């Protein structure tokens, strides 16, 4: 009935997998940055005069008025780390 050889099953709706193509990384001479280069996050300094502490909240450090949440556990006076505890 339309089979090319006696022992093979018909190949219908068979999708071949494509091989992944790897692009070469850009040359450094072109002035481009590679896509997977880690980006450093800038730590901002407190906006108070002469203070070099890192910003916590609202542009200021804890010493100059940034409100930091307290632990929600009864009797605990520490700052929260994760999830209110």
Protein backbone atom coordinates (compact mmCIF):
# COMPACT_ATOMS: atom_id res chain seq x y z
CA UNK A 1 0.00 0.00 0.00
CA UNK A 2 2.47 2.85 -0.54
CA UNK A 3 5.26 1.68 1.78
CA UNK A 4 8.71 1.95 0.33
CA UNK A 5 10.08 -1.15 2.04
CA UNK A 6 8.38 -4.08 3.70
CA UNK A 7 9.79 -3.79 7.29
CA UNK A 8 9.55 -0.01 7.94
CA UNK A 9 6.65 1.88 9.46
CA UNK A 10 5.40 4.97 7.63
CA UNK A 11 7.01 8.23 8.80
CA UNK A 12 4.15 10.68 9.16
CA UNK A 13 4.28 13.96 11.10
CA UNK A 14 7.87 13.45 12.17
CA UNK A 15 9.53 16.65 13.36
CA UNK A 16 13.30 16.73 13.25
CA UNK A 17 15.09 18.49 16.08
CA UNK A 18 17.15 21.46 15.04
CA UNK A 19 20.66 21.84 16.33
CA UNK A 20 21.31 24.90 18.42
CA UNK A 21 23.34 27.54 16.70
CA UNK A 22 26.01 29.17 18.82
CA UNK A 23 26.88 32.71 17.97
CA UNK A 24 30.45 33.75 18.47
CA UNK A 25 31.04 36.31 21.23
CA UNK A 26 31.56 39.88 20.02
CA UNK A 27 35.11 41.07 19.60
CA UNK A 28 36.42 43.36 22.30
CA UNK A 29 37.82 45.63 19.62
CA UNK A 30 34.30 46.65 18.59
CA UNK A 31 33.62 48.26 21.99
CA UNK A 32 30.69 45.98 22.76
CA UNK A 33 30.10 44.31 26.10
CA UNK A 34 29.33 40.60 26.15
CA UNK A 35 25.70 39.81 26.99
CA UNK A 36 26.53 37.61 29.99
CA UNK A 37 28.87 40.08 31.68
CA UNK A 38 27.87 40.66 35.29
CA UNK A 39 26.74 44.20 35.97
CA UNK A 40 27.84 45.78 39.22
CA UNK A 41 25.06 47.40 41.19
CA UNK A 42 25.86 50.84 42.51
CA UNK A 43 25.49 51.39 46.26
CA UNK A 44 24.25 54.91 46.84
CA UNK A 45 25.60 57.04 49.67
CA UNK A 46 23.50 58.77 52.30
CA UNK A 47 22.29 62.22 51.26
CA UNK A 48 23.18 63.79 54.63
CA UNK A 49 26.15 66.18 54.54
CA UNK A 50 29.47 64.41 55.12
CA UNK A 51 27.92 60.94 55.61
CA UNK A 52 29.43 58.10 53.58
CA UNK A 53 27.11 55.30 54.80
CA UNK A 54 25.05 53.28 52.30
CA UNK A 55 21.44 54.24 51.69
CA UNK A 56 18.91 52.01 53.45
CA UNK A 57 15.59 53.64 52.63
CA UNK A 58 14.47 56.99 51.26
CA UNK A 59 17.96 58.16 50.31
CA UNK A 60 19.36 58.14 53.85
CA UNK A 61 21.09 55.69 56.20
CA UNK A 62 19.65 54.45 59.51
CA UNK A 63 21.62 57.06 61.45
CA UNK A 64 19.96 59.87 59.49
CA UNK A 65 16.36 58.69 59.63
CA UNK A 66 15.75 55.61 57.50
CA UNK A 67 13.01 53.59 59.18
CA UNK A 68 13.88 49.89 59.39
CA UNK A 69 11.15 47.39 60.26
CA UNK A 70 11.38 45.55 63.56
CA UNK A 71 10.91 41.80 64.05
CA UNK A 72 7.26 40.77 64.46
CA UNK A 73 8.02 38.16 67.13
CA UNK A 74 6.81 39.19 70.62
CA UNK A 75 9.61 40.64 72.73
CA UNK A 76 12.18 40.72 69.90
CA UNK A 77 13.81 44.09 69.19
CA UNK A 78 15.97 43.08 66.21
CA UNK A 79 15.56 44.26 62.64
CA UNK A 80 13.74 41.98 60.21
CA UNK A 81 15.78 39.92 57.78
CA UNK A 82 13.11 38.17 55.75
CA UNK A 83 9.36 37.73 56.05
CA UNK A 84 8.88 39.88 59.16
CA UNK A 85 10.98 37.64 61.42
